[in-house]
Amino acid sequence: MGFILKFLLTAVITYLLAAFLPGSHIGGFTDALLLVIVLGILNAVLKPILKLLGLPITILTLGLFLLVINAAIVMIADALLSGFAVDGFISALLFSVVLSVVTAVVDMVVD
């Protein structure tokens, strides 16, 4: 039950973030559900590979390169989904940072 609740809350959060953040657009709640699924798959499959490849840069930047990896994941999700769009790298970076922070807070409250 907790997984379904977190999934739905994350979809609501992504829908609201895309509606309120400048530079990010989403078609509807169904697109938000699809975005959560795609982001979950990309974070599980592609993100570890990108983190491993970018390890030297991540060490040099004291971890700030991980923000670039998160923005890249959001931009890849933008390319895969027709109902979600970000206007550029800065918008993807802002979307990924706010989504991460709000999702972490929701996860602490739900758990």
PDB file of N, CA and C in Angstrom:
ATOM      1  N   MET A   1       0.821  -1.198   0.000  1.00  0.00           N
ATOM      2  CA  MET A   1       0.000   0.000   0.000  1.00  0.00           C
ATOM      3  C   MET A   1       0.861   1.257   0.000  1.00  0.00           C
ATOM      4  N   GLY A   2       1.997   1.200   0.694  1.00  0.00           N
ATOM      5  CA  GLY A   2       2.876   2.354   0.774  1.00  0.00           C
ATOM      6  C   GLY A   2       3.478   2.711  -0.576  1.00  0.00           C
ATOM      7  N   PHE A   3       3.787   1.684  -1.380  1.00  0.00           N
ATOM      8  CA  PHE A   3       4.353   1.924  -2.702  1.00  0.00           C
ATOM      9  C   PHE A   3       3.367   2.674  -3.596  1.00  0.00           C
ATOM     10  N   ILE A   4       2.112   2.241  -3.572  1.00  0.00           N
ATOM     11  CA  ILE A   4       1.091   2.880  -4.405  1.00  0.00           C
ATOM     12  C   ILE A   4       0.865   4.320  -3.947  1.00  0.00           C
ATOM     13  N   LEU A   5       0.852   4.539  -2.642  1.00  0.00           N
ATOM     14  CA  LEU A   5       0.672   5.892  -2.108  1.00  0.00           C
ATOM     15  C   LEU A   5       1.832   6.793  -2.532  1.00  0.00           C
ATOM     16  N   LYS A   6       3.068   6.302  -2.409  1.00  0.00           N
ATOM     17  CA  LYS A   6       4.226   7.095  -2.833  1.00  0.00           C
ATOM     18  C   LYS A   6       4.197   7.363  -4.331  1.00  0.00           C
ATOM     19  N   PHE A   7       3.801   6.368  -5.110  1.00  0.00           N
ATOM     20  CA  PHE A   7       3.710   6.534  -6.552  1.00  0.00           C
ATOM     21  C   PHE A   7       2.711   7.625  -6.921  1.00  0.00           C
ATOM     22  N   LEU A   8       1.534   7.569  -6.328  1.00  0.00           N
ATOM     23  CA  LEU A   8       0.502   8.573  -6.628  1.00  0.00           C
ATOM     24  C   LEU A   8       0.907   9.958  -6.133  1.00  0.00           C
ATOM     25  N   LEU A   9       1.506  10.028  -4.948  1.00  0.00           N
ATOM     26  CA  LEU A   9       1.959  11.327  -4.442  1.00  0.00           C
ATOM     27  C   LEU A   9       3.064  11.910  -5.316  1.00  0.00           C
ATOM     28  N   THR A  10       3.954  11.078  -5.790  1.00  0.00           N
ATOM     29  CA  THR A  10       5.008  11.554  -6.680  1.00  0.00           C
ATOM     30  C   THR A  10       4.417  12.042  -7.996  1.00  0.00           C
ATOM     31  N   ALA A  11       3.394  11.364  -8.492  1.00  0.00           N
ATOM     32  CA  ALA A  11       2.730  11.812  -9.714  1.00  0.00           C
ATOM     33  C   ALA A  11       2.049  13.162  -9.503  1.00  0.00           C
ATOM     34  N   VAL A  12       1.411  13.335  -8.363  1.00  0.00           N
ATOM     35  CA  VAL A  12       0.778  14.621  -8.053  1.00  0.00           C
ATOM     36  C   VAL A  12       1.831  15.717  -7.952  1.00  0.00           C
ATOM     37  N   ILE A  13       2.944  15.400  -7.299  1.00  0.00           N
ATOM     38  CA  ILE A  13       4.027  16.379  -7.154  1.00  0.00           C
ATOM     39  C   ILE A  13       4.575  16.763  -8.524  1.00  0.00           C
ATOM     40  N   THR A  14       4.826  15.795  -9.392  1.00  0.00           N
ATOM     41  CA  THR A  14       5.363  16.118 -10.717  1.00  0.00           C
ATOM     42  C   THR A  14       4.368  16.937 -11.529  1.00  0.00           C
ATOM     43  N   TYR A  15       3.099  16.628 -11.393  1.00  0.00           N
ATOM     44  CA  TYR A  15       2.079  17.403 -12.107  1.00  0.00           C
ATOM     45  C   TYR A  15       2.069  18.852 -11.628  1.00  0.00           C
ATOM     46  N   LEU A  16       2.111  19.043 -10.321  1.00  0.00           N
ATOM     47  CA  LEU A  16       2.098  20.404  -9.773  1.00  0.00           C
ATOM     48  C   LEU A  16       3.382  21.160 -10.091  1.00  0.00           C
ATOM     49  N   LEU A  17       4.513  20.472 -10.020  1.00  0.00           N
ATOM     50  CA  LEU A  17       5.775  21.131 -10.349  1.00  0.00           C
ATOM     51  C   LEU A  17       5.808  21.574 -11.802  1.00  0.00           C
ATOM     52  N   ALA A  18       5.353  20.709 -12.694  1.00  0.00           N
ATOM     53  CA  ALA A  18       5.340  21.069 -14.109  1.00  0.00           C
ATOM     54  C   ALA A  18       4.371  22.211 -14.384  1.00  0.00           C
ATOM     55  N   ALA A  19       3.322  22.305 -13.572  1.00  0.00           N
ATOM     56  CA  ALA A  19       2.353  23.381 -13.756  1.00  0.00           C
ATOM     57  C   ALA A  19       2.887  24.716 -13.230  1.00  0.00           C
ATOM     58  N   PHE A  20       3.698  24.686 -12.174  1.00  0.00           N
ATOM     59  CA  PHE A  20       4.117  25.930 -11.533  1.00  0.00           C
ATOM     60  C   PHE A  20       5.533  26.372 -11.866  1.00  0.00           C
ATOM     61  N   LEU A  21       6.427  25.446 -12.176  1.00  0.00           N
ATOM     62  CA  LEU A  21       7.801  25.838 -12.476  1.00  0.00           C
ATOM     63  C   LEU A  21       7.896  26.385 -13.896  1.00  0.00           C
ATOM     64  N   PRO A  22       8.652  27.453 -14.065  1.00  0.00           N
ATOM     65  CA  PRO A  22       8.796  27.984 -15.429  1.00  0.00           C
ATOM     66  C   PRO A  22       9.663  27.054 -16.279  1.00  0.00           C
ATOM     67  N   GLY A  23       9.258  26.883 -17.515  1.00  0.00           N
ATOM     68  CA  GLY A  23      10.036  26.083 -18.447  1.00  0.00           C
ATOM     69  C   GLY A  23       9.708  24.611 -18.476  1.00  0.00           C
ATOM     70  N   SER A  24       8.771  24.156 -17.658  1.00  0.00           N
ATOM     71  CA  SER A  24       8.375  22.751 -17.690  1.00  0.00           C
ATOM     72  C   SER A  24       6.869  22.678 -17.932  1.00  0.00           C
ATOM     73  N   HIS A  25       6.489  21.759 -18.807  1.00  0.00           N
ATOM     74  CA  HIS A  25       5.099  21.647 -19.232  1.00  0.00           C
ATOM     75  C   HIS A  25       4.694  20.182 -19.240  1.00  0.00           C
ATOM     76  N   ILE A  26       3.468  19.926 -18.792  1.00  0.00           N
ATOM     77  CA  ILE A  26       2.958  18.556 -18.791  1.00  0.00           C
ATOM     78  C   ILE A  26       1.522  18.576 -19.282  1.00  0.00           C
ATOM     79  N   GLY A  27       1.155  17.532 -20.028  1.00  0.00           N
ATOM     80  CA  GLY A  27      -0.152  17.488 -20.654  1.00  0.00           C
ATOM     81  C   GLY A  27      -1.301  17.251 -19.694  1.00  0.00           C
ATOM     82  N   GLY A  28      -1.127  16.365 -18.745  1.00  0.00           N
ATOM     83  CA  GLY A  28      -2.194  16.035 -17.809  1.00  0.00           C
ATOM     84  C   GLY A  28      -1.691  15.070 -16.760  1.00  0.00           C
ATOM     85  N   PHE A  29      -2.609  14.599 -15.928  1.00  0.00           N
ATOM     86  CA  PHE A  29      -2.207  13.723 -14.838  1.00  0.00           C
ATOM     87  C   PHE A  29      -1.726  12.360 -15.348  1.00  0.00           C
ATOM     88  N   THR A  30      -2.302  11.896 -16.451  1.00  0.00           N
ATOM     89  CA  THR A  30      -1.844  10.632 -17.037  1.00  0.00           C
ATOM     90  C   THR A  30      -0.393  10.755 -17.491  1.00  0.00           C
ATOM     91  N   ASP A  31      -0.055  11.903 -18.064  1.00  0.00           N
ATOM     92  CA  ASP A  31       1.338  12.133 -18.460  1.00  0.00           C
ATOM     93  C   ASP A  31       2.255  12.198 -17.245  1.00  0.00           C
ATOM     94  N   ALA A  32       1.736  12.707 -16.118  1.00  0.00           N
ATOM     95  CA  ALA A  32       2.524  12.735 -14.886  1.00  0.00           C
ATOM     96  C   ALA A  32       2.778  11.320 -14.376  1.00  0.00           C
ATOM     97  N   LEU A  33       1.779  10.460 -14.483  1.00  0.00           N
ATOM     98  CA  LEU A  33       1.968   9.058 -14.092  1.00  0.00           C
ATOM     99  C   LEU A  33       3.022   8.388 -14.975  1.00  0.00           C
ATOM    100  N   LEU A  34       2.946   8.632 -16.272  1.00  0.00           N
ATOM    101  CA  LEU A  34       3.937   8.072 -17.191  1.00  0.00           C
ATOM    102  C   LEU A  34       5.328   8.637 -16.914  1.00  0.00           C
ATOM    103  N   LEU A  35       5.396   9.918 -16.587  1.00  0.00           N
ATOM    104  CA  LEU A  35       6.681  10.539 -16.279  1.00  0.00           C
ATOM    105  C   LEU A  35       7.323   9.909 -15.054  1.00  0.00           C
ATOM    106  N   VAL A  36       6.530   9.621 -14.038  1.00  0.00           N
ATOM    107  CA  VAL A  36       7.061   8.983 -12.833  1.00  0.00           C
ATOM    108  C   VAL A  36       7.610   7.597 -13.165  1.00  0.00           C
ATOM    109  N   ILE A  37       6.905   6.857 -13.998  1.00  0.00           N
ATOM    110  CA  ILE A  37       7.363   5.523 -14.393  1.00  0.00           C
ATOM    111  C   ILE A  37       8.664   5.623 -15.188  1.00  0.00           C
ATOM    112  N   VAL A  38       8.709   6.527 -16.162  1.00  0.00           N
ATOM    113  CA  VAL A  38       9.899   6.679 -16.998  1.00  0.00           C
ATOM    114  C   VAL A  38      11.086   7.161 -16.165  1.00  0.00           C
ATOM    115  N   LEU A  39      10.859   8.131 -15.282  1.00  0.00           N
ATOM    116  CA  LEU A  39      11.950   8.606 -14.417  1.00  0.00           C
ATOM    117  C   LEU A  39      12.454   7.492 -13.501  1.00  0.00           C
ATOM    118  N   GLY A  40      11.548   6.671 -13.008  1.00  0.00           N
ATOM    119  CA  GLY A  40      11.957   5.544 -12.168  1.00  0.00           C
ATOM    120  C   GLY A  40      12.816   4.546 -12.928  1.00  0.00           C
ATOM    121  N   ILE A  41      12.422   4.243 -14.147  1.00  0.00           N
ATOM    122  CA  ILE A  41      13.197   3.302 -14.969  1.00  0.00           C
ATOM    123  C   ILE A  41      14.560   3.898 -15.324  1.00  0.00           C
ATOM    124  N   LEU A  42      14.569   5.164 -15.736  1.00  0.00           N
ATOM    125  CA  LEU A  42      15.839   5.806 -16.086  1.00  0.00           C
ATOM    126  C   LEU A  42      16.766   5.913 -14.880  1.00  0.00           C
ATOM    127  N   ASN A  43      16.198   6.217 -13.711  1.00  0.00           N
ATOM    128  CA  ASN A  43      17.022   6.302 -12.503  1.00  0.00           C
ATOM    129  C   ASN A  43      17.568   4.936 -12.098  1.00  0.00           C
ATOM    130  N   ALA A  44      16.826   3.880 -12.388  1.00  0.00           N
ATOM    131  CA  ALA A  44      17.283   2.541 -12.010  1.00  0.00           C
ATOM    132  C   ALA A  44      18.295   1.971 -13.005  1.00  0.00           C
ATOM    133  N   VAL A  45      18.149   2.297 -14.280  1.00  0.00           N
ATOM    134  CA  VAL A  45      18.990   1.681 -15.301  1.00  0.00           C
ATOM    135  C   VAL A  45      20.128   2.592 -15.748  1.00  0.00           C
ATOM    136  N   LEU A  46      19.804   3.803 -16.124  1.00  0.00           N
ATOM    137  CA  LEU A  46      20.786   4.687 -16.750  1.00  0.00           C
ATOM    138  C   LEU A  46      21.619   5.487 -15.746  1.00  0.00           C
ATOM    139  N   LYS A  47      21.015   5.885 -14.649  1.00  0.00           N
ATOM    140  CA  LYS A  47      21.716   6.749 -13.695  1.00  0.00           C
ATOM    141  C   LYS A  47      22.969   6.096 -13.097  1.00  0.00           C
ATOM    142  N   PRO A  48      22.949   4.819 -12.709  1.00  0.00           N
ATOM    143  CA  PRO A  48      24.201   4.230 -12.200  1.00  0.00           C
ATOM    144  C   PRO A  48      25.325   4.220 -13.234  1.00  0.00           C
ATOM    145  N   ILE A  49      24.976   4.023 -14.490  1.00  0.00           N
ATOM    146  CA  ILE A  49      25.992   4.034 -15.546  1.00  0.00           C
ATOM    147  C   ILE A  49      26.582   5.438 -15.689  1.00  0.00           C
ATOM    148  N   LEU A  50      25.719   6.439 -15.697  1.00  0.00           N
ATOM    149  CA  LEU A  50      26.192   7.818 -15.811  1.00  0.00           C
ATOM    150  C   LEU A  50      27.019   8.232 -14.595  1.00  0.00           C
ATOM    151  N   LYS A  51      26.612   7.762 -13.425  1.00  0.00           N
ATOM    152  CA  LYS A  51      27.391   8.082 -12.221  1.00  0.00           C
ATOM    153  C   LYS A  51      28.773   7.445 -12.266  1.00  0.00           C
ATOM    154  N   LEU A  52      28.855   6.243 -12.762  1.00  0.00           N
ATOM    155  CA  LEU A  52      30.147   5.572 -12.870  1.00  0.00           C
ATOM    156  C   LEU A  52      31.045   6.255 -13.902  1.00  0.00           C
ATOM    157  N   LEU A  53      30.475   6.609 -15.052  1.00  0.00           N
ATOM    158  CA  LEU A  53      31.255   7.282 -16.077  1.00  0.00           C
ATOM    159  C   LEU A  53      31.691   8.686 -15.643  1.00  0.00           C
ATOM    160  N   GLY A  54      30.851   9.344 -14.870  1.00  0.00           N
ATOM    161  CA  GLY A  54      31.159  10.705 -14.431  1.00  0.00           C
ATOM    162  C   GLY A  54      31.822  10.791 -13.081  1.00  0.00           C
ATOM    163  N   LEU A  55      32.292   9.661 -12.560  1.00  0.00           N
ATOM    164  CA  LEU A  55      32.896   9.662 -11.224  1.00  0.00           C
ATOM    165  C   LEU A  55      34.074  10.624 -11.084  1.00  0.00           C
ATOM    166  N   PRO A  56      35.003  10.675 -12.035  1.00  0.00           N
ATOM    167  CA  PRO A  56      36.110  11.634 -11.867  1.00  0.00           C
ATOM    168  C   PRO A  56      35.639  13.096 -11.818  1.00  0.00           C
ATOM    169  N   ILE A  57      34.689  13.432 -12.665  1.00  0.00           N
ATOM    170  CA  ILE A  57      34.162  14.798 -12.662  1.00  0.00           C
ATOM    171  C   ILE A  57      33.392  15.065 -11.374  1.00  0.00           C
ATOM    172  N   THR A  58      32.662  14.065 -10.902  1.00  0.00           N
ATOM    173  CA  THR A  58      31.914  14.216  -9.652  1.00  0.00           C
ATOM    174  C   THR A  58      32.860  14.459  -8.483  1.00  0.00           C
ATOM    175  N   ILE A  59      33.972  13.760  -8.455  1.00  0.00           N
ATOM    176  CA  ILE A  59      34.951  13.968  -7.388  1.00  0.00           C
ATOM    177  C   ILE A  59      35.556  15.366  -7.475  1.00  0.00           C
ATOM    178  N   LEU A  60      35.896  15.793  -8.697  1.00  0.00           N
ATOM    179  CA  LEU A  60      36.494  17.125  -8.876  1.00  0.00           C
ATOM    180  C   LEU A  60      35.540  18.249  -8.502  1.00  0.00           C
ATOM    181  N   THR A  61      34.247  18.045  -8.753  1.00  0.00           N
ATOM    182  CA  THR A  61      33.265  19.091  -8.453  1.00  0.00           C
ATOM    183  C   THR A  61      32.609  18.909  -7.089  1.00  0.00           C
ATOM    184  N   LEU A  62      33.149  17.979  -6.311  1.00  0.00           N
ATOM    185  CA  LEU A  62      32.634  17.702  -4.952  1.00  0.00           C
ATOM    186  C   LEU A  62      31.154  17.318  -4.968  1.00  0.00           C
ATOM    187  N   GLY A  63      30.757  16.571  -5.974  1.00  0.00           N
ATOM    188  CA  GLY A  63      29.402  16.044  -6.039  1.00  0.00           C
ATOM    189  C   GLY A  63      28.422  16.876  -6.829  1.00  0.00           C
ATOM    190  N   LEU A  64      28.801  18.067  -7.252  1.00  0.00           N
ATOM    191  CA  LEU A  64      27.861  18.920  -7.974  1.00  0.00           C
ATOM    192  C   LEU A  64      27.522  18.386  -9.365  1.00  0.00           C
ATOM    193  N   PHE A  65      28.380  17.545  -9.913  1.00  0.00           N
ATOM    194  CA  PHE A  65      28.096  16.960 -11.230  1.00  0.00           C
ATOM    195  C   PHE A  65      26.881  16.044 -11.175  1.00  0.00           C
ATOM    196  N   LEU A  66      26.521  15.554  -9.998  1.00  0.00           N
ATOM    197  CA  LEU A  66      25.318  14.714  -9.875  1.00  0.00           C
ATOM    198  C   LEU A  66      24.056  15.503 -10.238  1.00  0.00           C
ATOM    199  N   LEU A  67      24.088  16.815 -10.020  1.00  0.00           N
ATOM    200  CA  LEU A  67      22.955  17.645 -10.441  1.00  0.00           C
ATOM    201  C   LEU A  67      22.832  17.660 -11.958  1.00  0.00           C
ATOM    202  N   VAL A  68      23.953  17.672 -12.638  1.00  0.00           N
ATOM    203  CA  VAL A  68      23.953  17.620 -14.099  1.00  0.00           C
ATOM    204  C   VAL A  68      23.396  16.279 -14.573  1.00  0.00           C
ATOM    205  N   ILE A  69      23.763  15.202 -13.899  1.00  0.00           N
ATOM    206  CA  ILE A  69      23.242  13.884 -14.255  1.00  0.00           C
ATOM    207  C   ILE A  69      21.730  13.837 -14.054  1.00  0.00           C
ATOM    208  N   ASN A  70      21.242  14.404 -12.958  1.00  0.00           N
ATOM    209  CA  ASN A  70      19.792  14.443 -12.721  1.00  0.00           C
ATOM    210  C   ASN A  70      19.083  15.241 -13.808  1.00  0.00           C
ATOM    211  N   ALA A  71      19.655  16.383 -14.193  1.00  0.00           N
ATOM    212  CA  ALA A  71      19.044  17.190 -15.253  1.00  0.00           C
ATOM    213  C   ALA A  71      19.065  16.429 -16.576  1.00  0.00           C
ATOM    214  N   ALA A  72      20.126  15.692 -16.836  1.00  0.00           N
ATOM    215  CA  ALA A  72      20.198  14.903 -18.067  1.00  0.00           C
ATOM    216  C   ALA A  72      19.120  13.821 -18.084  1.00  0.00           C
ATOM    217  N   ILE A  73      18.867  13.209 -16.935  1.00  0.00           N
ATOM    218  CA  ILE A  73      17.808  12.194 -16.843  1.00  0.00           C
ATOM    219  C   ILE A  73      16.451  12.821 -17.162  1.00  0.00           C
ATOM    220  N   VAL A  74      16.203  14.018 -16.654  1.00  0.00           N
ATOM    221  CA  VAL A  74      14.936  14.706 -16.930  1.00  0.00           C
ATOM    222  C   VAL A  74      14.841  15.055 -18.410  1.00  0.00           C
ATOM    223  N   MET A  75      15.944  15.473 -19.012  1.00  0.00           N
ATOM    224  CA  MET A  75      15.926  15.807 -20.439  1.00  0.00           C
ATOM    225  C   MET A  75      15.720  14.560 -21.310  1.00  0.00           C
ATOM    226  N   ILE A  76      16.237  13.426 -20.880  1.00  0.00           N
ATOM    227  CA  ILE A  76      15.993  12.175 -21.599  1.00  0.00           C
ATOM    228  C   ILE A  76      14.519  11.787 -21.486  1.00  0.00           C
ATOM    229  N   ALA A  77      13.936  11.978 -20.298  1.00  0.00           N
ATOM    230  CA  ALA A  77      12.501  11.702 -20.128  1.00  0.00           C
ATOM    231  C   ALA A  77      11.675  12.632 -21.015  1.00  0.00           C
ATOM    232  N   ASP A  78      12.133  13.868 -21.166  1.00  0.00           N
ATOM    233  CA  ASP A  78      11.468  14.815 -22.060  1.00  0.00           C
ATOM    234  C   ASP A  78      11.496  14.302 -23.496  1.00  0.00           C
ATOM    235  N   ALA A  79      12.626  13.737 -23.901  1.00  0.00           N
ATOM    236  CA  ALA A  79      12.741  13.226 -25.268  1.00  0.00           C
ATOM    237  C   ALA A  79      11.883  11.974 -25.482  1.00  0.00           C
ATOM    238  N   LEU A  80      11.690  11.189 -24.439  1.00  0.00           N
ATOM    239  CA  LEU A  80      10.924   9.945 -24.571  1.00  0.00           C
ATOM    240  C   LEU A  80       9.418  10.147 -24.511  1.00  0.00           C
ATOM    241  N   LEU A  81       8.969  11.156 -23.784  1.00  0.00           N
ATOM    242  CA  LEU A  81       7.534  11.367 -23.584  1.00  0.00           C
ATOM    243  C   LEU A  81       7.051  12.580 -24.374  1.00  0.00           C
ATOM    244  N   SER A  82       5.946  12.419 -25.049  1.00  0.00           N
ATOM    245  CA  SER A  82       5.399  13.545 -25.807  1.00  0.00           C
ATOM    246  C   SER A  82       4.573  14.487 -24.932  1.00  0.00           C
ATOM    247  N   GLY A  83       4.097  14.013 -23.794  1.00  0.00           N
ATOM    248  CA  GLY A  83       3.258  14.840 -22.939  1.00  0.00           C
ATOM    249  C   GLY A  83       4.024  15.644 -21.909  1.00  0.00           C
ATOM    250  N   PHE A  84       5.336  15.551 -21.907  1.00  0.00           N
ATOM    251  CA  PHE A  84       6.167  16.283 -20.950  1.00  0.00           C
ATOM    252  C   PHE A  84       7.246  17.019 -21.721  1.00  0.00           C
ATOM    253  N   ALA A  85       7.493  18.269 -21.333  1.00  0.00           N
ATOM    254  CA  ALA A  85       8.515  19.053 -22.023  1.00  0.00           C
ATOM    255  C   ALA A  85       9.199  19.994 -21.041  1.00  0.00           C
ATOM    256  N   VAL A  86      10.505  20.112 -21.196  1.00  0.00           N
ATOM    257  CA  VAL A  86      11.272  21.141 -20.491  1.00  0.00           C
ATOM    258  C   VAL A  86      11.941  22.002 -21.557  1.00  0.00           C
ATOM    259  N   ASP A  87      12.063  23.289 -21.276  1.00  0.00           N
ATOM    260  CA  ASP A  87      12.543  24.229 -22.282  1.00  0.00           C
ATOM    261  C   ASP A  87      14.050  24.199 -22.482  1.00  0.00           C
ATOM    262  N   GLY A  88      14.793  23.743 -21.495  1.00  0.00           N
ATOM    263  CA  GLY A  88      16.241  23.720 -21.636  1.00  0.00           C
ATOM    264  C   GLY A  88      16.899  23.095 -20.428  1.00  0.00           C
ATOM    265  N   PHE A  89      18.228  23.206 -20.412  1.00  0.00           N
ATOM    266  CA  PHE A  89      18.987  22.566 -19.340  1.00  0.00           C
ATOM    267  C   PHE A  89      18.666  23.179 -17.972  1.00  0.00           C
ATOM    268  N   ILE A  90      18.573  24.500 -17.897  1.00  0.00           N
ATOM    269  CA  ILE A  90      18.299  25.161 -16.610  1.00  0.00           C
ATOM    270  C   ILE A  90      16.931  24.752 -16.080  1.00  0.00           C
ATOM    271  N   SER A  91      15.951  24.672 -16.962  1.00  0.00           N
ATOM    272  CA  SER A  91      14.610  24.237 -16.538  1.00  0.00           C
ATOM    273  C   SER A  91      14.625  22.789 -16.057  1.00  0.00           C
ATOM    274  N   ALA A  92      15.380  21.934 -16.745  1.00  0.00           N
ATOM    275  CA  ALA A  92      15.494  20.536 -16.326  1.00  0.00           C
ATOM    276  C   ALA A  92      16.220  20.442 -14.989  1.00  0.00           C
ATOM    277  N   LEU A  93      17.245  21.266 -14.798  1.00  0.00           N
ATOM    278  CA  LEU A  93      17.978  21.275 -13.535  1.00  0.00           C
ATOM    279  C   LEU A  93      17.079  21.725 -12.390  1.00  0.00           C
ATOM    280  N   LEU A  94      16.339  22.794 -12.597  1.00  0.00           N
ATOM    281  CA  LEU A  94      15.420  23.290 -11.570  1.00  0.00           C
ATOM    282  C   LEU A  94      14.346  22.258 -11.258  1.00  0.00           C
ATOM    283  N   PHE A  95      13.776  21.633 -12.294  1.00  0.00           N
ATOM    284  CA  PHE A  95      12.745  20.622 -12.098  1.00  0.00           C
ATOM    285  C   PHE A  95      13.289  19.439 -11.305  1.00  0.00           C
ATOM    286  N   SER A  96      14.483  18.968 -11.654  1.00  0.00           N
ATOM    287  CA  SER A  96      15.037  17.789 -10.981  1.00  0.00           C
ATOM    288  C   SER A  96      15.390  18.080  -9.527  1.00  0.00           C
ATOM    289  N   VAL A  97      15.925  19.262  -9.253  1.00  0.00           N
ATOM    290  CA  VAL A  97      16.294  19.599  -7.872  1.00  0.00           C
ATOM    291  C   VAL A  97      15.050  19.728  -7.002  1.00  0.00           C
ATOM    292  N   VAL A  98      14.055  20.460  -7.477  1.00  0.00           N
ATOM    293  CA  VAL A  98      12.829  20.642  -6.683  1.00  0.00           C
ATOM    294  C   VAL A  98      12.103  19.313  -6.513  1.00  0.00           C
ATOM    295  N   LEU A  99      12.051  18.510  -7.558  1.00  0.00           N
ATOM    296  CA  LEU A  99      11.404  17.192  -7.462  1.00  0.00           C
ATOM    297  C   LEU A  99      12.115  16.310  -6.444  1.00  0.00           C
ATOM    298  N   SER A 100      13.422  16.327  -6.447  1.00  0.00           N
ATOM    299  CA  SER A 100      14.182  15.514  -5.483  1.00  0.00           C
ATOM    300  C   SER A 100      13.925  15.954  -4.051  1.00  0.00           C
ATOM    301  N   VAL A 101      13.942  17.241  -3.809  1.00  0.00           N
ATOM    302  CA  VAL A 101      13.742  17.753  -2.457  1.00  0.00           C
ATOM    303  C   VAL A 101      12.328  17.470  -1.963  1.00  0.00           C
ATOM    304  N   VAL A 102      11.333  17.761  -2.783  1.00  0.00           N
ATOM    305  CA  VAL A 102       9.945  17.561  -2.351  1.00  0.00           C
ATOM    306  C   VAL A 102       9.636  16.076  -2.186  1.00  0.00           C
ATOM    307  N   THR A 103      10.156  15.244  -3.065  1.00  0.00           N
ATOM    308  CA  THR A 103       9.939  13.806  -2.945  1.00  0.00           C
ATOM    309  C   THR A 103      10.605  13.253  -1.684  1.00  0.00           C
ATOM    310  N   ALA A 104      11.786  13.758  -1.353  1.00  0.00           N
ATOM    311  CA  ALA A 104      12.446  13.313  -0.122  1.00  0.00           C
ATOM    312  C   ALA A 104      11.633  13.685   1.107  1.00  0.00           C
ATOM    313  N   VAL A 105      11.056  14.871   1.119  1.00  0.00           N
ATOM    314  CA  VAL A 105      10.219  15.297   2.250  1.00  0.00           C
ATOM    315  C   VAL A 105       8.975  14.431   2.347  1.00  0.00           C
ATOM    316  N   VAL A 106       8.331  14.159   1.207  1.00  0.00           N
ATOM    317  CA  VAL A 106       7.134  13.318   1.202  1.00  0.00           C
ATOM    318  C   VAL A 106       7.476  11.903   1.668  1.00  0.00           C
ATOM    319  N   ASP A 107       8.615  11.368   1.226  1.00  0.00           N
ATOM    320  CA  ASP A 107       9.019  10.028   1.653  1.00  0.00           C
ATOM    321  C   ASP A 107       9.241   9.969   3.162  1.00  0.00           C
ATOM    322  N   MET A 108       9.797  11.016   3.742  1.00  0.00           N
ATOM    323  CA  MET A 108       9.989  11.042   5.198  1.00  0.00           C
ATOM    324  C   MET A 108       8.649  11.094   5.923  1.00  0.00           C
ATOM    325  N   VAL A 109       7.691  11.823   5.377  1.00  0.00           N
ATOM    326  CA  VAL A 109       6.383  11.936   6.014  1.00  0.00           C
ATOM    327  C   VAL A 109       5.606  10.625   5.897  1.00  0.00           C
ATOM    328  N   VAL A 110       5.640  10.009   4.716  1.00  0.00           N
ATOM    329  CA  VAL A 110       4.880   8.778   4.490  1.00  0.00           C
ATOM    330  C   VAL A 110       5.478   7.612   5.285  1.00  0.00           C
ATOM    331  N   ASP A 111       6.796   7.526   5.313  1.00  0.00           N
ATOM    332  CA  ASP A 111       7.435   6.429   6.073  1.00  0.00           C
ATOM    333  C   ASP A 111       7.281   6.708   7.534  1.00  0.00           C
TER     334      ASP A 111
END
